[in-house]
């Protein structure tokens, strides 16, 4: 933490086609080596594949997938008297969205498929339907927090 100046949040410019800030953040997270136009192409190709295959609005599918993957609880290690306990804590709103974006991108990259656009479209469709690896990750996180509920009195 800096001693002098308050940290200001940078404003993200909405993406050019849909005008959505959340989608612009997703594109930025997908970007590798500063190649934003490549990640924009991947996302928009995936949206086109979603539109063709499901006949639903791709932005609605994207929002539903993000909402389904977003975790509410996580565990944090807390050291008490020589023992380390996994303490369940609620996640801040901005971290929730960041984890959801990160999980969607990670599990889309690890899928089998021809192109990244195909893999991303498939992962978004699965997450919107409530199945897939990113949904399983959310459920595992919640299950871990639920099983360690006994240590919640160690909360910070």
N, C-alpha and C. Protein backbone atom coordinates (compact mmCIF):
# COMPACT_ATOMS: atom_id res chain seq x y z
N UNK A 1 0.84 -1.19 0.00
CA UNK A 1 0.00 0.00 0.00
C UNK A 1 0.88 1.25 0.00
N UNK A 2 0.60 2.18 -0.87
CA UNK A 2 1.39 3.41 -0.88
C UNK A 2 1.06 4.28 0.34
N UNK A 3 2.05 5.03 0.82
CA UNK A 3 1.85 5.84 2.01
C UNK A 3 1.21 7.18 1.68
N UNK A 4 1.43 7.70 0.49
CA UNK A 4 1.00 9.06 0.20
C UNK A 4 -0.31 9.14 -0.55
N UNK A 5 -0.34 8.56 -1.71
CA UNK A 5 -1.44 8.81 -2.64
C UNK A 5 -2.47 7.69 -2.61
N UNK A 6 -3.72 8.04 -2.72
CA UNK A 6 -4.76 7.04 -2.83
C UNK A 6 -4.71 6.41 -4.22
N UNK A 7 -4.93 5.11 -4.27
CA UNK A 7 -4.93 4.42 -5.55
C UNK A 7 -6.27 4.68 -6.24
N UNK A 8 -6.21 5.14 -7.48
CA UNK A 8 -7.45 5.40 -8.22
C UNK A 8 -7.70 4.25 -9.18
N UNK A 9 -8.95 3.86 -9.25
CA UNK A 9 -9.34 2.80 -10.19
C UNK A 9 -9.34 3.37 -11.60
N UNK A 10 -8.75 2.63 -12.51
CA UNK A 10 -8.77 3.05 -13.91
C UNK A 10 -10.14 2.76 -14.51
N UNK A 11 -10.60 3.67 -15.33
CA UNK A 11 -11.88 3.44 -16.00
C UNK A 11 -11.63 2.66 -17.28
N UNK A 12 -12.44 1.64 -17.47
CA UNK A 12 -12.31 0.78 -18.65
C UNK A 12 -13.28 1.30 -19.71
N UNK A 13 -12.79 1.47 -20.90
CA UNK A 13 -13.62 1.92 -22.02
C UNK A 13 -14.47 0.75 -22.49
N UNK A 14 -15.77 0.94 -22.69
CA UNK A 14 -16.63 -0.17 -23.15
C UNK A 14 -16.17 -0.70 -24.51
N UNK A 15 -16.48 -1.97 -24.75
CA UNK A 15 -16.03 -2.56 -26.02
C UNK A 15 -16.77 -1.92 -27.20
N UNK A 16 -16.14 -1.90 -28.38
CA UNK A 16 -16.68 -1.11 -29.50
C UNK A 16 -17.99 -1.63 -30.08
N UNK A 17 -18.26 -2.93 -30.04
CA UNK A 17 -19.44 -3.45 -30.73
C UNK A 17 -20.67 -3.45 -29.81
N UNK A 18 -20.52 -4.00 -28.58
CA UNK A 18 -21.68 -4.14 -27.70
C UNK A 18 -21.79 -3.01 -26.69
N UNK A 19 -20.73 -2.22 -26.50
CA UNK A 19 -20.78 -1.12 -25.55
C UNK A 19 -20.89 -1.58 -24.11
N UNK A 20 -20.30 -2.73 -23.78
CA UNK A 20 -20.41 -3.32 -22.46
C UNK A 20 -19.04 -3.27 -21.77
N UNK A 21 -19.00 -2.74 -20.55
CA UNK A 21 -17.74 -2.63 -19.82
C UNK A 21 -17.27 -4.00 -19.34
N UNK A 22 -18.20 -4.86 -18.91
CA UNK A 22 -17.84 -6.20 -18.46
C UNK A 22 -17.20 -7.03 -19.56
N UNK A 23 -17.70 -6.87 -20.77
CA UNK A 23 -17.13 -7.58 -21.91
C UNK A 23 -15.74 -7.03 -22.24
N UNK A 24 -15.56 -5.71 -22.09
CA UNK A 24 -14.24 -5.12 -22.33
C UNK A 24 -13.22 -5.65 -21.32
N UNK A 25 -13.62 -5.81 -20.07
CA UNK A 25 -12.72 -6.38 -19.07
C UNK A 25 -12.38 -7.82 -19.40
N UNK A 26 -13.37 -8.57 -19.89
CA UNK A 26 -13.14 -9.95 -20.28
C UNK A 26 -12.14 -10.03 -21.43
N UNK A 27 -12.29 -9.13 -22.41
CA UNK A 27 -11.36 -9.09 -23.54
C UNK A 27 -9.95 -8.78 -23.04
N UNK A 28 -9.84 -7.83 -22.09
CA UNK A 28 -8.53 -7.49 -21.55
C UNK A 28 -7.90 -8.66 -20.81
N UNK A 29 -8.71 -9.45 -20.10
CA UNK A 29 -8.18 -10.62 -19.38
C UNK A 29 -7.74 -11.71 -20.35
N UNK A 30 -8.42 -11.82 -21.47
CA UNK A 30 -8.09 -12.84 -22.47
C UNK A 30 -6.82 -12.48 -23.24
N UNK A 31 -6.48 -11.20 -23.25
CA UNK A 31 -5.38 -10.70 -24.06
C UNK A 31 -4.04 -11.26 -23.60
N UNK A 32 -3.21 -11.66 -24.55
CA UNK A 32 -1.85 -12.11 -24.28
C UNK A 32 -0.87 -11.21 -25.04
N UNK A 33 0.20 -10.82 -24.39
CA UNK A 33 1.29 -10.05 -24.99
C UNK A 33 0.81 -8.73 -25.58
N UNK A 34 -0.21 -8.14 -25.05
CA UNK A 34 -0.67 -6.83 -25.50
C UNK A 34 -1.42 -6.83 -26.81
N UNK A 35 -1.82 -8.01 -27.30
CA UNK A 35 -2.50 -8.10 -28.61
C UNK A 35 -4.01 -8.06 -28.40
N UNK A 36 -4.53 -6.84 -28.24
CA UNK A 36 -5.95 -6.67 -27.94
C UNK A 36 -6.82 -7.00 -29.14
N UNK A 37 -6.38 -6.67 -30.33
CA UNK A 37 -7.20 -6.94 -31.51
C UNK A 37 -7.38 -8.44 -31.71
N UNK A 38 -6.37 -9.23 -31.35
CA UNK A 38 -6.49 -10.68 -31.46
C UNK A 38 -7.54 -11.20 -30.47
N UNK A 39 -7.49 -10.70 -29.23
CA UNK A 39 -8.47 -11.18 -28.24
C UNK A 39 -9.87 -10.69 -28.57
N UNK A 40 -9.99 -9.48 -29.14
CA UNK A 40 -11.31 -9.02 -29.59
C UNK A 40 -11.86 -9.93 -30.67
N UNK A 41 -11.00 -10.31 -31.61
CA UNK A 41 -11.42 -11.21 -32.67
C UNK A 41 -11.88 -12.55 -32.14
N UNK A 42 -11.16 -13.07 -31.15
CA UNK A 42 -11.53 -14.36 -30.55
C UNK A 42 -12.91 -14.26 -29.89
N UNK A 43 -13.12 -13.20 -29.10
CA UNK A 43 -14.38 -13.05 -28.38
C UNK A 43 -15.54 -12.85 -29.35
N UNK A 44 -15.35 -12.00 -30.35
CA UNK A 44 -16.45 -11.74 -31.28
C UNK A 44 -16.75 -12.95 -32.16
N UNK A 45 -15.71 -13.74 -32.52
CA UNK A 45 -15.95 -14.99 -33.25
C UNK A 45 -16.73 -15.98 -32.37
N UNK A 46 -16.36 -16.05 -31.08
CA UNK A 46 -17.07 -16.94 -30.17
C UNK A 46 -18.53 -16.50 -30.03
N UNK A 47 -18.77 -15.18 -29.98
CA UNK A 47 -20.14 -14.67 -29.89
C UNK A 47 -20.93 -15.03 -31.14
N UNK A 48 -20.29 -14.98 -32.29
CA UNK A 48 -20.96 -15.33 -33.54
C UNK A 48 -21.32 -16.81 -33.56
N UNK A 49 -20.42 -17.66 -33.06
CA UNK A 49 -20.70 -19.10 -32.97
C UNK A 49 -21.86 -19.36 -32.00
N UNK A 50 -21.91 -18.62 -30.89
CA UNK A 50 -23.01 -18.76 -29.93
C UNK A 50 -24.33 -18.35 -30.58
N UNK A 51 -24.30 -17.25 -31.33
CA UNK A 51 -25.52 -16.77 -31.99
C UNK A 51 -26.04 -17.81 -32.98
N UNK A 52 -25.12 -18.43 -33.74
CA UNK A 52 -25.52 -19.41 -34.74
C UNK A 52 -26.03 -20.71 -34.11
N UNK A 53 -25.35 -21.16 -33.04
CA UNK A 53 -25.69 -22.47 -32.50
C UNK A 53 -26.90 -22.43 -31.56
N UNK A 54 -27.02 -21.38 -30.74
CA UNK A 54 -28.09 -21.39 -29.74
C UNK A 54 -29.27 -20.49 -30.09
N UNK A 55 -29.11 -19.64 -31.08
CA UNK A 55 -30.16 -18.70 -31.49
C UNK A 55 -30.59 -17.80 -30.34
N UNK A 56 -29.64 -17.54 -29.42
CA UNK A 56 -29.87 -16.60 -28.33
C UNK A 56 -28.91 -15.43 -28.49
N UNK A 57 -29.22 -14.33 -27.83
CA UNK A 57 -28.33 -13.17 -27.88
C UNK A 57 -27.04 -13.50 -27.13
N UNK A 58 -25.88 -13.37 -27.79
CA UNK A 58 -24.63 -13.80 -27.16
C UNK A 58 -24.29 -13.02 -25.89
N UNK A 59 -24.67 -11.75 -25.82
CA UNK A 59 -24.38 -10.97 -24.61
C UNK A 59 -25.18 -11.49 -23.42
N UNK A 60 -26.41 -11.97 -23.67
CA UNK A 60 -27.20 -12.58 -22.61
C UNK A 60 -26.57 -13.89 -22.13
N UNK A 61 -26.07 -14.68 -23.09
CA UNK A 61 -25.38 -15.93 -22.74
C UNK A 61 -24.14 -15.63 -21.91
N UNK A 62 -23.40 -14.60 -22.32
CA UNK A 62 -22.18 -14.20 -21.61
C UNK A 62 -22.50 -13.76 -20.18
N UNK A 63 -23.52 -12.92 -20.01
CA UNK A 63 -23.90 -12.45 -18.68
C UNK A 63 -24.39 -13.60 -17.80
N UNK A 64 -25.16 -14.51 -18.38
CA UNK A 64 -25.65 -15.66 -17.62
C UNK A 64 -24.48 -16.55 -17.20
N UNK A 65 -23.54 -16.77 -18.10
CA UNK A 65 -22.38 -17.61 -17.79
C UNK A 65 -21.56 -16.97 -16.67
N UNK A 66 -21.34 -15.67 -16.75
CA UNK A 66 -20.57 -14.98 -15.72
C UNK A 66 -21.28 -15.04 -14.38
N UNK A 67 -22.60 -14.87 -14.40
CA UNK A 67 -23.38 -14.92 -13.16
C UNK A 67 -23.34 -16.33 -12.55
N UNK A 68 -23.40 -17.36 -13.40
CA UNK A 68 -23.39 -18.74 -12.89
C UNK A 68 -22.03 -19.14 -12.33
N UNK A 69 -20.95 -18.57 -12.85
CA UNK A 69 -19.61 -18.96 -12.42
C UNK A 69 -19.15 -18.15 -11.20
N UNK A 70 -19.78 -17.00 -10.95
CA UNK A 70 -19.32 -16.11 -9.88
C UNK A 70 -19.47 -16.76 -8.51
N UNK A 71 -18.35 -16.89 -7.76
CA UNK A 71 -18.42 -17.47 -6.42
C UNK A 71 -18.85 -16.43 -5.38
N UNK A 72 -19.35 -16.90 -4.25
CA UNK A 72 -19.78 -16.01 -3.17
C UNK A 72 -18.85 -16.16 -1.96
N UNK A 73 -18.43 -17.39 -1.68
CA UNK A 73 -17.56 -17.68 -0.54
C UNK A 73 -16.26 -18.31 -1.02
N UNK A 74 -15.20 -18.09 -0.25
CA UNK A 74 -13.94 -18.79 -0.48
C UNK A 74 -13.29 -19.01 0.88
N UNK A 75 -12.25 -19.82 0.92
CA UNK A 75 -11.55 -20.05 2.17
C UNK A 75 -10.21 -19.33 2.14
N UNK A 76 -9.84 -18.76 3.28
CA UNK A 76 -8.54 -18.12 3.43
C UNK A 76 -7.83 -18.76 4.62
N UNK A 77 -6.54 -19.01 4.50
CA UNK A 77 -5.83 -19.61 5.63
C UNK A 77 -5.61 -18.59 6.75
N UNK A 78 -5.85 -19.02 7.98
CA UNK A 78 -5.65 -18.17 9.16
C UNK A 78 -4.85 -18.97 10.16
N UNK A 79 -3.73 -18.43 10.59
CA UNK A 79 -2.87 -19.14 11.53
C UNK A 79 -3.26 -18.76 12.95
N UNK A 80 -3.62 -19.78 13.73
CA UNK A 80 -4.01 -19.56 15.12
C UNK A 80 -3.26 -20.56 15.99
N UNK A 81 -2.34 -20.06 16.80
CA UNK A 81 -1.64 -20.90 17.78
C UNK A 81 -0.92 -22.10 17.19
N UNK A 82 -0.21 -21.93 16.12
CA UNK A 82 0.57 -23.01 15.53
C UNK A 82 -0.19 -23.86 14.54
N UNK A 83 -1.49 -23.70 14.46
CA UNK A 83 -2.29 -24.47 13.49
C UNK A 83 -2.85 -23.50 12.45
N UNK A 84 -2.96 -23.96 11.24
CA UNK A 84 -3.52 -23.15 10.16
C UNK A 84 -4.91 -23.67 9.83
N UNK A 85 -5.89 -22.78 9.93
CA UNK A 85 -7.28 -23.14 9.65
C UNK A 85 -7.72 -22.49 8.34
N UNK A 86 -8.52 -23.22 7.60
CA UNK A 86 -9.12 -22.68 6.38
C UNK A 86 -10.44 -22.01 6.79
N UNK A 87 -10.45 -20.68 6.80
CA UNK A 87 -11.60 -19.94 7.30
C UNK A 87 -12.43 -19.45 6.12
N UNK A 88 -13.74 -19.78 6.09
CA UNK A 88 -14.58 -19.29 5.00
C UNK A 88 -14.87 -17.80 5.17
N UNK A 89 -14.69 -17.05 4.08
CA UNK A 89 -14.98 -15.61 4.09
C UNK A 89 -15.77 -15.27 2.83
N UNK A 90 -16.55 -14.20 2.91
CA UNK A 90 -17.28 -13.71 1.74
C UNK A 90 -16.31 -12.97 0.84
N UNK A 91 -16.55 -13.02 -0.45
CA UNK A 91 -15.65 -12.40 -1.42
C UNK A 91 -16.17 -11.02 -1.78
N UNK A 92 -15.25 -10.05 -1.89
CA UNK A 92 -15.63 -8.71 -2.35
C UNK A 92 -16.16 -8.79 -3.78
N UNK A 93 -17.00 -7.83 -4.14
CA UNK A 93 -17.69 -7.86 -5.44
C UNK A 93 -16.71 -7.84 -6.62
N UNK A 94 -15.68 -6.99 -6.56
CA UNK A 94 -14.75 -6.92 -7.69
C UNK A 94 -13.91 -8.19 -7.82
N UNK A 95 -13.57 -8.82 -6.68
CA UNK A 95 -12.83 -10.07 -6.74
C UNK A 95 -13.70 -11.21 -7.27
N UNK A 96 -15.01 -11.20 -6.93
CA UNK A 96 -15.92 -12.21 -7.47
C UNK A 96 -15.89 -12.20 -8.99
N UNK A 97 -16.05 -11.00 -9.56
CA UNK A 97 -16.08 -10.88 -11.02
C UNK A 97 -14.74 -11.28 -11.63
N UNK A 98 -13.65 -10.91 -10.97
CA UNK A 98 -12.32 -11.25 -11.48
C UNK A 98 -12.10 -12.76 -11.47
N UNK A 99 -12.53 -13.44 -10.40
CA UNK A 99 -12.39 -14.89 -10.34
C UNK A 99 -13.23 -15.56 -11.42
N UNK A 100 -14.44 -15.07 -11.62
CA UNK A 100 -15.31 -15.67 -12.65
C UNK A 100 -14.68 -15.54 -14.03
N UNK A 101 -14.18 -14.34 -14.34
CA UNK A 101 -13.52 -14.14 -15.64
C UNK A 101 -12.32 -15.05 -15.78
N UNK A 102 -11.50 -15.11 -14.74
CA UNK A 102 -10.28 -15.91 -14.78
C UNK A 102 -10.59 -17.39 -14.98
N UNK A 103 -11.60 -17.90 -14.26
CA UNK A 103 -11.95 -19.31 -14.38
C UNK A 103 -12.50 -19.63 -15.76
N UNK A 104 -13.35 -18.77 -16.30
CA UNK A 104 -13.88 -19.01 -17.64
C UNK A 104 -12.76 -19.09 -18.67
N UNK A 105 -11.81 -18.17 -18.60
CA UNK A 105 -10.72 -18.14 -19.57
C UNK A 105 -9.80 -19.35 -19.38
N UNK A 106 -9.48 -19.68 -18.12
CA UNK A 106 -8.58 -20.80 -17.87
C UNK A 106 -9.16 -22.11 -18.39
N UNK A 107 -10.43 -22.36 -18.10
CA UNK A 107 -11.02 -23.64 -18.51
C UNK A 107 -11.38 -23.65 -20.00
N UNK A 108 -11.57 -22.49 -20.59
CA UNK A 108 -11.75 -22.45 -22.04
C UNK A 108 -10.43 -22.79 -22.74
N UNK A 109 -9.32 -22.30 -22.20
CA UNK A 109 -8.01 -22.59 -22.80
C UNK A 109 -7.65 -24.06 -22.67
N UNK A 110 -8.09 -24.70 -21.59
CA UNK A 110 -7.70 -26.10 -21.38
C UNK A 110 -8.64 -27.09 -22.09
N UNK A 111 -9.68 -26.59 -22.74
CA UNK A 111 -10.61 -27.47 -23.47
C UNK A 111 -9.98 -28.04 -24.73
N UNK A 112 -10.57 -29.11 -25.23
CA UNK A 112 -10.16 -29.63 -26.53
C UNK A 112 -10.99 -28.94 -27.60
N UNK A 113 -10.32 -28.51 -28.65
CA UNK A 113 -11.03 -27.87 -29.74
C UNK A 113 -10.06 -27.35 -30.76
N UNK A 114 -10.60 -26.85 -31.85
CA UNK A 114 -9.74 -26.39 -32.92
C UNK A 114 -9.18 -25.00 -32.62
N UNK A 115 -10.04 -24.04 -32.44
CA UNK A 115 -9.57 -22.68 -32.23
C UNK A 115 -10.01 -22.19 -30.86
N UNK A 116 -9.40 -21.11 -30.41
CA UNK A 116 -9.77 -20.55 -29.11
C UNK A 116 -11.20 -20.03 -29.14
N UNK A 117 -11.66 -19.54 -30.28
CA UNK A 117 -13.04 -19.06 -30.39
C UNK A 117 -14.03 -20.21 -30.17
N UNK A 118 -13.73 -21.38 -30.73
CA UNK A 118 -14.59 -22.55 -30.52
C UNK A 118 -14.60 -22.95 -29.05
N UNK A 119 -13.42 -22.98 -28.44
CA UNK A 119 -13.32 -23.40 -27.05
C UNK A 119 -14.04 -22.41 -26.13
N UNK A 120 -13.87 -21.11 -26.40
CA UNK A 120 -14.51 -20.08 -25.57
C UNK A 120 -16.03 -20.14 -25.71
N UNK A 121 -16.50 -20.33 -26.95
CA UNK A 121 -17.94 -20.43 -27.18
C UNK A 121 -18.52 -21.63 -26.44
N UNK A 122 -17.82 -22.76 -26.49
CA UNK A 122 -18.30 -23.96 -25.81
C UNK A 122 -18.32 -23.77 -24.30
N UNK A 123 -17.28 -23.14 -23.74
CA UNK A 123 -17.23 -22.93 -22.29
C UNK A 123 -18.30 -21.95 -21.84
N UNK A 124 -18.54 -20.90 -22.62
CA UNK A 124 -19.59 -19.94 -22.26
C UNK A 124 -20.96 -20.59 -22.32
N UNK A 125 -21.21 -21.41 -23.34
CA UNK A 125 -22.49 -22.10 -23.45
C UNK A 125 -22.69 -23.07 -22.28
N UNK A 126 -21.62 -23.82 -21.94
CA UNK A 126 -21.73 -24.76 -20.82
C UNK A 126 -21.98 -24.02 -19.50
N UNK A 127 -21.27 -22.92 -19.29
CA UNK A 127 -21.44 -22.16 -18.05
C UNK A 127 -22.83 -21.54 -17.97
N UNK A 128 -23.35 -21.09 -19.11
CA UNK A 128 -24.70 -20.52 -19.12
C UNK A 128 -25.74 -21.58 -18.83
N UNK A 129 -25.46 -22.85 -19.22
CA UNK A 129 -26.39 -23.94 -18.97
C UNK A 129 -26.18 -24.61 -17.61
N UNK A 130 -25.16 -24.16 -16.86
CA UNK A 130 -24.93 -24.68 -15.52
C UNK A 130 -24.09 -25.94 -15.45
N UNK A 131 -23.33 -26.22 -16.49
CA UNK A 131 -22.41 -27.36 -16.49
C UNK A 131 -21.03 -26.86 -16.90
N UNK A 132 -20.04 -27.74 -16.87
CA UNK A 132 -18.72 -27.36 -17.34
C UNK A 132 -17.71 -27.25 -16.20
N UNK A 133 -16.45 -27.08 -16.59
CA UNK A 133 -15.35 -27.09 -15.62
C UNK A 133 -15.37 -25.85 -14.73
N UNK A 134 -15.75 -24.71 -15.28
CA UNK A 134 -15.75 -23.49 -14.46
C UNK A 134 -16.86 -23.53 -13.41
N UNK A 135 -17.99 -24.12 -13.74
CA UNK A 135 -19.07 -24.29 -12.76
C UNK A 135 -18.63 -25.27 -11.67
N UNK A 136 -17.91 -26.32 -12.07
CA UNK A 136 -17.42 -27.29 -11.09
C UNK A 136 -16.43 -26.63 -10.14
N UNK A 137 -15.61 -25.72 -10.65
CA UNK A 137 -14.66 -25.00 -9.80
C UNK A 137 -15.39 -24.15 -8.76
N UNK A 138 -16.45 -23.48 -9.18
CA UNK A 138 -17.26 -22.68 -8.25
C UNK A 138 -17.87 -23.57 -7.17
N UNK A 139 -18.43 -24.70 -7.58
CA UNK A 139 -19.06 -25.61 -6.63
C UNK A 139 -18.03 -26.19 -5.66
N UNK A 140 -16.82 -26.49 -6.14
CA UNK A 140 -15.77 -26.99 -5.26
C UNK A 140 -15.36 -25.93 -4.23
N UNK A 141 -15.29 -24.69 -4.67
CA UNK A 141 -14.94 -23.59 -3.76
C UNK A 141 -16.00 -23.43 -2.68
N UNK A 142 -17.27 -23.49 -3.08
CA UNK A 142 -18.36 -23.37 -2.12
C UNK A 142 -18.40 -24.58 -1.17
N UNK A 143 -18.11 -25.77 -1.71
CA UNK A 143 -18.11 -26.98 -0.89
C UNK A 143 -17.01 -26.91 0.17
N UNK A 144 -15.85 -26.38 -0.23
CA UNK A 144 -14.74 -26.23 0.71
C UNK A 144 -15.11 -25.25 1.82
N UNK A 145 -15.76 -24.15 1.44
CA UNK A 145 -16.18 -23.16 2.44
C UNK A 145 -17.24 -23.75 3.37
N UNK A 146 -18.14 -24.55 2.81
CA UNK A 146 -19.20 -25.16 3.61
C UNK A 146 -18.63 -26.17 4.61
N UNK A 147 -17.65 -26.96 4.17
CA UNK A 147 -17.09 -27.98 5.05
C UNK A 147 -16.24 -27.37 6.16
N UNK A 148 -15.73 -26.15 5.96
CA UNK A 148 -14.92 -25.48 6.98
C UNK A 148 -15.72 -24.42 7.73
N UNK A 149 -17.04 -24.56 7.72
CA UNK A 149 -17.89 -23.57 8.38
C UNK A 149 -17.63 -23.52 9.89
N UNK A 150 -17.12 -24.61 10.46
CA UNK A 150 -16.87 -24.67 11.89
C UNK A 150 -15.79 -23.67 12.32
N UNK A 151 -14.93 -23.27 11.37
CA UNK A 151 -13.86 -22.34 11.70
C UNK A 151 -14.22 -20.89 11.39
N UNK A 152 -15.49 -20.64 11.09
CA UNK A 152 -15.87 -19.27 10.70
C UNK A 152 -15.74 -18.28 11.85
N UNK A 153 -15.65 -18.78 13.11
CA UNK A 153 -15.47 -17.83 14.21
C UNK A 153 -14.05 -17.26 14.25
N UNK A 154 -13.12 -17.79 13.44
CA UNK A 154 -11.78 -17.24 13.32
C UNK A 154 -11.72 -16.11 12.30
N UNK A 155 -12.89 -15.72 11.76
CA UNK A 155 -12.91 -14.71 10.72
C UNK A 155 -12.21 -13.45 11.20
N UNK A 156 -11.57 -12.77 10.30
CA UNK A 156 -10.72 -11.63 10.66
C UNK A 156 -11.50 -10.57 11.38
